[in-house]
PDB file of N, CA and C in Angstrom:
ATOM      1  N   MET A   1      13.249  14.820 -11.686  1.00  0.00           N
ATOM      2  CA  MET A   1      13.668  13.615 -12.324  1.00  0.00           C
ATOM      3  C   MET A   1      12.107  12.917 -11.468  1.00  0.00           C
ATOM      4  N   ILE A   2      11.899  12.029 -12.278  1.00  0.00           N
ATOM      5  CA  ILE A   2      10.480  11.148 -11.956  1.00  0.00           C
ATOM      6  C   ILE A   2      11.300  10.010 -11.083  1.00  0.00           C
ATOM      7  N   ASN A   3      10.822   9.645 -10.030  1.00  0.00           N
ATOM      8  CA  ASN A   3      11.203   8.178  -9.740  1.00  0.00           C
ATOM      9  C   ASN A   3      10.158   7.228  -9.749  1.00  0.00           C
ATOM     10  N   ARG A   4      10.309   5.681 -10.150  1.00  0.00           N
ATOM     11  CA  ARG A   4       9.078   4.936  -9.946  1.00  0.00           C
ATOM     12  C   ARG A   4       9.131   4.201  -8.539  1.00  0.00           C
ATOM     13  N   PHE A   5       8.116   4.506  -7.807  1.00  0.00           N
ATOM     14  CA  PHE A   5       7.647   3.699  -6.517  1.00  0.00           C
ATOM     15  C   PHE A   5       6.679   2.825  -6.349  1.00  0.00           C
ATOM     16  N   ARG A   6       7.221   1.644  -5.552  1.00  0.00           N
ATOM     17  CA  ARG A   6       6.122   0.069  -5.063  1.00  0.00           C
ATOM     18  C   ARG A   6       5.174   1.050  -4.005  1.00  0.00           C
ATOM     19  N   MET A   7       4.114   0.834  -4.111  1.00  0.00           N
ATOM     20  CA  MET A   7       2.897   1.442  -3.307  1.00  0.00           C
ATOM     21  C   MET A   7       2.155   0.031  -3.228  1.00  0.00           C
ATOM     22  N   THR A   8       1.510   0.115  -1.915  1.00  0.00           N
ATOM     23  CA  THR A   8       1.154  -0.767  -1.323  1.00  0.00           C
ATOM     24  C   THR A   8      -0.804  -0.214  -0.866  1.00  0.00           C
ATOM     25  N   ALA A   9      -1.665  -0.386  -1.549  1.00  0.00           N
ATOM     26  CA  ALA A   9      -3.141   0.189  -0.678  1.00  0.00           C
ATOM     27  C   ALA A   9      -3.727  -0.601   0.148  1.00  0.00           C
ATOM     28  N   LEU A  10      -4.044  -0.610   1.162  1.00  0.00           N
ATOM     29  CA  LEU A  10      -4.740  -1.385   2.078  1.00  0.00           C
ATOM     30  C   LEU A  10      -6.115  -0.638   1.946  1.00  0.00           C
ATOM     31  N   ALA A  11      -6.915  -1.517   1.370  1.00  0.00           N
ATOM     32  CA  ALA A  11      -8.536  -0.885   1.000  1.00  0.00           C
ATOM     33  C   ALA A  11      -9.962  -1.755   0.859  1.00  0.00           C
ATOM     34  N   THR A  12     -10.956  -1.419   0.811  1.00  0.00           N
ATOM     35  CA  THR A  12     -12.056  -1.997   0.582  1.00  0.00           C
ATOM     36  C   THR A  12     -12.222  -2.656  -0.760  1.00  0.00           C
ATOM     37  N   ASN A  13     -12.304  -3.703  -1.387  1.00  0.00           N
ATOM     38  CA  ASN A  13     -12.381  -3.952  -2.220  1.00  0.00           C
ATOM     39  C   ASN A  13     -13.888  -4.053  -3.234  1.00  0.00           C
ATOM     40  N   ALA A  14     -14.627  -4.224  -4.290  1.00  0.00           N
ATOM     41  CA  ALA A  14     -15.441  -4.509  -4.721  1.00  0.00           C
ATOM     42  C   ALA A  14     -16.718  -5.282  -3.857  1.00  0.00           C
ATOM     43  N   GLU A  15     -16.140  -6.264  -3.097  1.00  0.00           N
ATOM     44  CA  GLU A  15     -17.146  -7.338  -2.206  1.00  0.00           C
ATOM     45  C   GLU A  15     -17.115  -6.855  -1.180  1.00  0.00           C
ATOM     46  N   GLY A  16     -16.068  -5.527  -0.820  1.00  0.00           N
ATOM     47  CA  GLY A  16     -16.379  -5.219   0.728  1.00  0.00           C
ATOM     48  C   GLY A  16     -15.381  -5.850   1.076  1.00  0.00           C
ATOM     49  N   SER A  17     -14.572  -6.491   0.878  1.00  0.00           N
ATOM     50  CA  SER A  17     -13.347  -7.024   1.999  1.00  0.00           C
ATOM     51  C   SER A  17     -12.085  -6.277   1.616  1.00  0.00           C
ATOM     52  N   PRO A  18     -11.365  -6.442   3.248  1.00  0.00           N
ATOM     53  CA  PRO A  18     -10.124  -5.812   3.040  1.00  0.00           C
ATOM     54  C   PRO A  18      -9.485  -6.503   1.996  1.00  0.00           C
ATOM     55  N   ASP A  19      -8.383  -5.477   1.482  1.00  0.00           N
ATOM     56  CA  ASP A  19      -7.298  -6.346   0.419  1.00  0.00           C
ATOM     57  C   ASP A  19      -6.464  -5.528   0.043  1.00  0.00           C
ATOM     58  N   LEU A  20      -5.038  -5.922  -0.589  1.00  0.00           N
ATOM     59  CA  LEU A  20      -4.050  -5.311  -0.878  1.00  0.00           C
ATOM     60  C   LEU A  20      -4.292  -4.636  -2.412  1.00  0.00           C
ATOM     61  N   TYR A  21      -3.284  -3.605  -2.666  1.00  0.00           N
ATOM     62  CA  TYR A  21      -3.804  -3.003  -4.063  1.00  0.00           C
ATOM     63  C   TYR A  21      -2.023  -3.158  -4.044  1.00  0.00           C
ATOM     64  N   LEU A  22      -1.570  -3.459  -4.726  1.00  0.00           N
ATOM     65  CA  LEU A  22       0.008  -3.483  -5.428  1.00  0.00           C
ATOM     66  C   LEU A  22       0.172  -2.447  -6.392  1.00  0.00           C
ATOM     67  N   ILE A  23       0.615  -1.750  -6.891  1.00  0.00           N
ATOM     68  CA  ILE A  23       0.882  -0.611  -7.345  1.00  0.00           C
ATOM     69  C   ILE A  23       2.417  -0.022  -7.772  1.00  0.00           C
ATOM     70  N   PHE A  24       2.801   1.221  -8.717  1.00  0.00           N
ATOM     71  CA  PHE A  24       3.644   1.310  -9.025  1.00  0.00           C
ATOM     72  C   PHE A  24       3.171   2.771  -8.948  1.00  0.00           C
ATOM     73  N   VAL A  25       3.915   4.286  -8.891  1.00  0.00           N
ATOM     74  CA  VAL A  25       3.594   5.161  -8.167  1.00  0.00           C
ATOM     75  C   VAL A  25       5.005   5.889  -8.729  1.00  0.00           C
ATOM     76  N   GLU A  26       4.555   6.685 -10.016  1.00  0.00           N
ATOM     77  CA  GLU A  26       5.523   7.722 -10.240  1.00  0.00           C
ATOM     78  C   GLU A  26       5.583   9.150  -9.902  1.00  0.00           C
ATOM     79  N   ALA A  27       6.907   9.537  -8.979  1.00  0.00           N
ATOM     80  CA  ALA A  27       6.526  11.089  -8.156  1.00  0.00           C
ATOM     81  C   ALA A  27       8.382  11.511  -8.694  1.00  0.00           C
ATOM     82  N   THR A  28       7.917  12.925  -8.197  1.00  0.00           N
ATOM     83  CA  THR A  28       9.497  13.364  -8.215  1.00  0.00           C
ATOM     84  C   THR A  28      10.174  13.139  -6.832  1.00  0.00           C
ATOM     85  N   ASP A  29      10.749  13.893  -6.452  1.00  0.00           N
ATOM     86  CA  ASP A  29      11.464  13.822  -5.092  1.00  0.00           C
ATOM     87  C   ASP A  29      10.862  14.836  -4.357  1.00  0.00           C
ATOM     88  N   LEU A  30      10.554  15.868  -4.880  1.00  0.00           N
ATOM     89  CA  LEU A  30      10.015  16.741  -3.861  1.00  0.00           C
ATOM     90  C   LEU A  30       8.404  16.320  -3.873  1.00  0.00           C
ATOM     91  N   GLN A  31       7.879  15.781  -4.725  1.00  0.00           N
ATOM     92  CA  GLN A  31       6.435  15.223  -4.812  1.00  0.00           C
ATOM     93  C   GLN A  31       6.451  14.297  -3.424  1.00  0.00           C
ATOM     94  N   TYR A  32       7.476  12.982  -3.741  1.00  0.00           N
ATOM     95  CA  TYR A  32       8.030  11.866  -2.575  1.00  0.00           C
ATOM     96  C   TYR A  32       7.635  12.450  -1.156  1.00  0.00           C
ATOM     97  N   ASN A  33       9.199  13.773  -0.924  1.00  0.00           N
ATOM     98  CA  ASN A  33       9.028  14.331   0.156  1.00  0.00           C
ATOM     99  C   ASN A  33       8.235  14.718   0.650  1.00  0.00           C
ATOM    100  N   GLU A  34       6.736  14.853   0.386  1.00  0.00           N
ATOM    101  CA  GLU A  34       5.937  15.930   0.706  1.00  0.00           C
ATOM    102  C   GLU A  34       4.721  15.062   0.791  1.00  0.00           C
ATOM    103  N   GLY A  35       5.178  13.981   0.651  1.00  0.00           N
ATOM    104  CA  GLY A  35       4.048  12.569   0.680  1.00  0.00           C
ATOM    105  C   GLY A  35       3.119  12.397  -0.465  1.00  0.00           C
ATOM    106  N   GLN A  36       2.999  13.266  -1.510  1.00  0.00           N
ATOM    107  CA  GLN A  36       2.287  12.697  -2.515  1.00  0.00           C
ATOM    108  C   GLN A  36       2.085  11.915  -2.914  1.00  0.00           C
ATOM    109  N   HIS A  37       2.882  10.734  -2.868  1.00  0.00           N
ATOM    110  CA  HIS A  37       2.692   9.785  -3.927  1.00  0.00           C
ATOM    111  C   HIS A  37       2.182   8.589  -3.054  1.00  0.00           C
ATOM    112  N   TYR A  38       1.402   8.985  -1.290  1.00  0.00           N
ATOM    113  CA  TYR A  38       0.426   8.497  -0.787  1.00  0.00           C
ATOM    114  C   TYR A  38      -1.118   8.328  -1.260  1.00  0.00           C
ATOM    115  N   ASP A  39      -1.180   9.871  -1.933  1.00  0.00           N
ATOM    116  CA  ASP A  39      -2.175  10.314  -2.788  1.00  0.00           C
ATOM    117  C   ASP A  39      -2.615   9.829  -3.599  1.00  0.00           C
ATOM    118  N   MET A  40      -0.947   9.829  -4.415  1.00  0.00           N
ATOM    119  CA  MET A  40      -1.298   9.142  -5.782  1.00  0.00           C
ATOM    120  C   MET A  40      -1.343   7.552  -5.970  1.00  0.00           C
ATOM    121  N   ALA A  41      -1.105   6.875  -4.572  1.00  0.00           N
ATOM    122  CA  ALA A  41      -1.995   5.821  -5.092  1.00  0.00           C
ATOM    123  C   ALA A  41      -2.927   5.302  -4.525  1.00  0.00           C
ATOM    124  N   LEU A  42      -3.556   6.117  -3.683  1.00  0.00           N
ATOM    125  CA  LEU A  42      -5.353   6.021  -2.849  1.00  0.00           C
ATOM    126  C   LEU A  42      -6.064   6.667  -4.229  1.00  0.00           C
ATOM    127  N   ALA A  43      -5.485   7.238  -5.290  1.00  0.00           N
ATOM    128  CA  ALA A  43      -6.289   7.995  -6.113  1.00  0.00           C
ATOM    129  C   ALA A  43      -6.374   6.776  -7.403  1.00  0.00           C
ATOM    130  N   ARG A  44      -5.080   6.128  -7.533  1.00  0.00           N
ATOM    131  CA  ARG A  44      -4.990   4.920  -8.586  1.00  0.00           C
ATOM    132  C   ARG A  44      -6.178   3.730  -8.108  1.00  0.00           C
ATOM    133  N   ALA A  45      -6.373   3.216  -6.491  1.00  0.00           N
ATOM    134  CA  ALA A  45      -6.399   2.177  -6.296  1.00  0.00           C
ATOM    135  C   ALA A  45      -7.933   3.306  -6.343  1.00  0.00           C
ATOM    136  N   GLU A  46      -8.578   4.039  -5.895  1.00  0.00           N
ATOM    137  CA  GLU A  46      -9.992   4.538  -6.008  1.00  0.00           C
ATOM    138  C   GLU A  46     -10.378   4.232  -7.802  1.00  0.00           C
ATOM    139  N   ASP A  47      -9.535   4.337  -8.725  1.00  0.00           N
ATOM    140  CA  ASP A  47      -9.646   4.417 -10.388  1.00  0.00           C
ATOM    141  C   ASP A  47     -10.132   2.489 -10.472  1.00  0.00           C
ATOM    142  N   LYS A  48      -9.323   2.061  -9.849  1.00  0.00           N
ATOM    143  CA  LYS A  48      -9.157   0.694  -9.759  1.00  0.00           C
ATOM    144  C   LYS A  48     -10.890  -0.047  -8.867  1.00  0.00           C
ATOM    145  N   GLY A  49     -11.348   0.869  -8.200  1.00  0.00           N
ATOM    146  CA  GLY A  49     -12.663   0.087  -7.958  1.00  0.00           C
ATOM    147  C   GLY A  49     -12.386  -0.035  -6.542  1.00  0.00           C
ATOM    148  N   TYR A  50     -11.471   0.471  -5.905  1.00  0.00           N
ATOM    149  CA  TYR A  50     -11.200   0.146  -4.610  1.00  0.00           C
ATOM    150  C   TYR A  50     -11.814   1.215  -3.441  1.00  0.00           C
ATOM    151  N   TRP A  51     -12.392   1.521  -2.105  1.00  0.00           N
ATOM    152  CA  TRP A  51     -12.754   2.289  -1.723  1.00  0.00           C
ATOM    153  C   TRP A  51     -12.135   2.666  -0.399  1.00  0.00           C
ATOM    154  N   ALA A  52     -12.805   3.446   0.436  1.00  0.00           N
ATOM    155  CA  ALA A  52     -12.611   3.522   2.210  1.00  0.00           C
ATOM    156  C   ALA A  52     -12.804   2.795   2.971  1.00  0.00           C
ATOM    157  N   PRO A  53     -12.728   2.417   4.007  1.00  0.00           N
ATOM    158  CA  PRO A  53     -11.230   2.707   4.016  1.00  0.00           C
ATOM    159  C   PRO A  53      -9.968   2.936   3.730  1.00  0.00           C
ATOM    160  N   MET A  54      -8.646   3.264   3.439  1.00  0.00           N
ATOM    161  CA  MET A  54      -7.904   3.019   2.842  1.00  0.00           C
ATOM    162  C   MET A  54      -6.738   3.872   3.406  1.00  0.00           C
ATOM    163  N   ILE A  55      -5.796   2.986   3.099  1.00  0.00           N
ATOM    164  CA  ILE A  55      -4.773   3.469   3.253  1.00  0.00           C
ATOM    165  C   ILE A  55      -3.080   3.240   2.474  1.00  0.00           C
ATOM    166  N   ALA A  56      -2.381   4.019   2.554  1.00  0.00           N
ATOM    167  CA  ALA A  56      -1.359   3.648   1.715  1.00  0.00           C
ATOM    168  C   ALA A  56      -0.021   3.715   1.975  1.00  0.00           C
ATOM    169  N   PHE A  57       0.756   2.732   1.703  1.00  0.00           N
ATOM    170  CA  PHE A  57       2.322   2.810   2.434  1.00  0.00           C
ATOM    171  C   PHE A  57       3.079   2.290   1.226  1.00  0.00           C
ATOM    172  N   ASP A  58       4.337   2.607   1.465  1.00  0.00           N
ATOM    173  CA  ASP A  58       5.377   2.386   0.626  1.00  0.00           C
ATOM    174  C   ASP A  58       6.457   1.403   1.203  1.00  0.00           C
ATOM    175  N   ARG A  59       7.785   1.156   1.021  1.00  0.00           N
ATOM    176  CA  ARG A  59       8.795   0.463   1.522  1.00  0.00           C
ATOM    177  C   ARG A  59       9.301   0.739   2.618  1.00  0.00           C
ATOM    178  N   ASN A  60       9.305   2.274   2.772  1.00  0.00           N
ATOM    179  CA  ASN A  60       9.996   2.459   4.159  1.00  0.00           C
ATOM    180  C   ASN A  60       8.951   3.017   5.229  1.00  0.00           C
ATOM    181  N   ASP A  61       8.043   2.419   5.005  1.00  0.00           N
ATOM    182  CA  ASP A  61       7.092   2.401   6.283  1.00  0.00           C
ATOM    183  C   ASP A  61       6.917   1.479   7.011  1.00  0.00           C
ATOM    184  N   ALA A  62       6.683   0.997   7.995  1.00  0.00           N
ATOM    185  CA  ALA A  62       6.806   0.365   9.177  1.00  0.00           C
ATOM    186  C   ALA A  62       5.795  -1.044   8.822  1.00  0.00           C
ATOM    187  N   ALA A  63       4.516  -0.571   8.142  1.00  0.00           N
ATOM    188  CA  ALA A  63       3.534  -1.726   7.566  1.00  0.00           C
ATOM    189  C   ALA A  63       4.637  -2.277   6.459  1.00  0.00           C
ATOM    190  N   SER A  64       4.926  -1.823   5.529  1.00  0.00           N
ATOM    191  CA  SER A  64       5.589  -2.517   4.808  1.00  0.00           C
ATOM    192  C   SER A  64       6.402  -3.924   5.481  1.00  0.00           C
ATOM    193  N   GLY A  65       7.646  -3.373   6.703  1.00  0.00           N
ATOM    194  CA  GLY A  65       8.451  -4.308   6.817  1.00  0.00           C
ATOM    195  C   GLY A  65       7.335  -5.331   8.139  1.00  0.00           C
ATOM    196  N   THR A  66       6.273  -5.251   8.241  1.00  0.00           N
ATOM    197  CA  THR A  66       5.567  -6.117   8.380  1.00  0.00           C
ATOM    198  C   THR A  66       4.681  -7.426   8.199  1.00  0.00           C
ATOM    199  N   LEU A  67       4.682  -6.389   6.649  1.00  0.00           N
ATOM    200  CA  LEU A  67       4.126  -7.760   5.388  1.00  0.00           C
ATOM    201  C   LEU A  67       4.896  -9.065   5.676  1.00  0.00           C
ATOM    202  N   ARG A  68       5.865  -9.223   5.550  1.00  0.00           N
ATOM    203  CA  ARG A  68       6.488 -10.950   5.389  1.00  0.00           C
ATOM    204  C   ARG A  68       5.719 -11.551   7.049  1.00  0.00           C
ATOM    205  N   HIS A  69       6.120 -11.005   7.960  1.00  0.00           N
ATOM    206  CA  HIS A  69       5.734 -11.464   9.177  1.00  0.00           C
ATOM    207  C   HIS A  69       4.656 -11.799   9.641  1.00  0.00           C
ATOM    208  N   ALA A  70       3.460 -11.164   8.952  1.00  0.00           N
ATOM    209  CA  ALA A  70       1.815 -11.258   8.978  1.00  0.00           C
ATOM    210  C   ALA A  70       2.185 -12.541   8.388  1.00  0.00           C
ATOM    211  N   THR A  71       2.051 -12.325   6.801  1.00  0.00           N
ATOM    212  CA  THR A  71       2.316 -13.814   6.154  1.00  0.00           C
ATOM    213  C   THR A  71       2.274 -15.012   6.689  1.00  0.00           C
ATOM    214  N   ALA A  72       3.584 -15.007   7.570  1.00  0.00           N
ATOM    215  CA  ALA A  72       3.548 -16.069   8.162  1.00  0.00           C
ATOM    216  C   ALA A  72       3.271 -16.405   9.089  1.00  0.00           C
ATOM    217  N   PHE A  73       2.458 -15.409  10.154  1.00  0.00           N
ATOM    218  CA  PHE A  73       1.459 -15.662  11.011  1.00  0.00           C
ATOM    219  C   PHE A  73       0.501 -16.271  10.206  1.00  0.00           C
ATOM    220  N   MET A  74      -0.307 -15.843   9.446  1.00  0.00           N
ATOM    221  CA  MET A  74      -1.564 -15.919   9.148  1.00  0.00           C
ATOM    222  C   MET A  74      -1.687 -17.160   8.589  1.00  0.00           C
ATOM    223  N   GLU A  75      -0.185 -17.870   7.957  1.00  0.00           N
ATOM    224  CA  GLU A  75       0.022 -19.451   7.145  1.00  0.00           C
ATOM    225  C   GLU A  75       0.293 -20.236   8.174  1.00  0.00           C
ATOM    226  N   GLY A  76       0.396 -19.459   9.556  1.00  0.00           N
ATOM    227  CA  GLY A  76       0.777 -20.385  11.103  1.00  0.00           C
ATOM    228  C   GLY A  76       2.446 -21.120  10.486  1.00  0.00           C
ATOM    229  N   GLU A  77       3.224 -20.585  10.338  1.00  0.00           N
ATOM    230  CA  GLU A  77       4.209 -20.625   9.756  1.00  0.00           C
ATOM    231  C   GLU A  77       4.945 -19.427  11.332  1.00  0.00           C
ATOM    232  N   THR A  78       4.325 -19.297  12.135  1.00  0.00           N
ATOM    233  CA  THR A  78       4.710 -18.591  13.665  1.00  0.00           C
ATOM    234  C   THR A  78       4.098 -18.324  14.093  1.00  0.00           C
ATOM    235  N   ASP A  79       4.106 -18.427  15.468  1.00  0.00           N
ATOM    236  CA  ASP A  79       2.779 -18.221  16.343  1.00  0.00           C
ATOM    237  C   ASP A  79       3.561 -16.514  16.996  1.00  0.00           C
ATOM    238  N   GLU A  80       4.390 -16.079  16.656  1.00  0.00           N
ATOM    239  CA  GLU A  80       5.005 -14.871  17.005  1.00  0.00           C
ATOM    240  C   GLU A  80       4.145 -13.958  16.449  1.00  0.00           C
ATOM    241  N   VAL A  81       3.713 -12.984  17.569  1.00  0.00           N
ATOM    242  CA  VAL A  81       2.993 -11.841  17.422  1.00  0.00           C
ATOM    243  C   VAL A  81       3.712 -10.504  17.723  1.00  0.00           C
TER     244      VAL A  81
END
């Protein structure tokens, strides 16, 4: 069975700045369990003009849980680090 996963790639954009690329990746349970969904997300980011350094994560990774807090911190809504 193929599942659709929400992924984010932290990558370098065409201007040379760090950026977040949001993408859906379709993978089987086996591909997901083997971590191939990360490679798929990075390959799609490369296809869209992003380059290394890059790292991909999904909603089950620690980085995903930190995004909301990072946004609040960067917007000055919290001083908690």
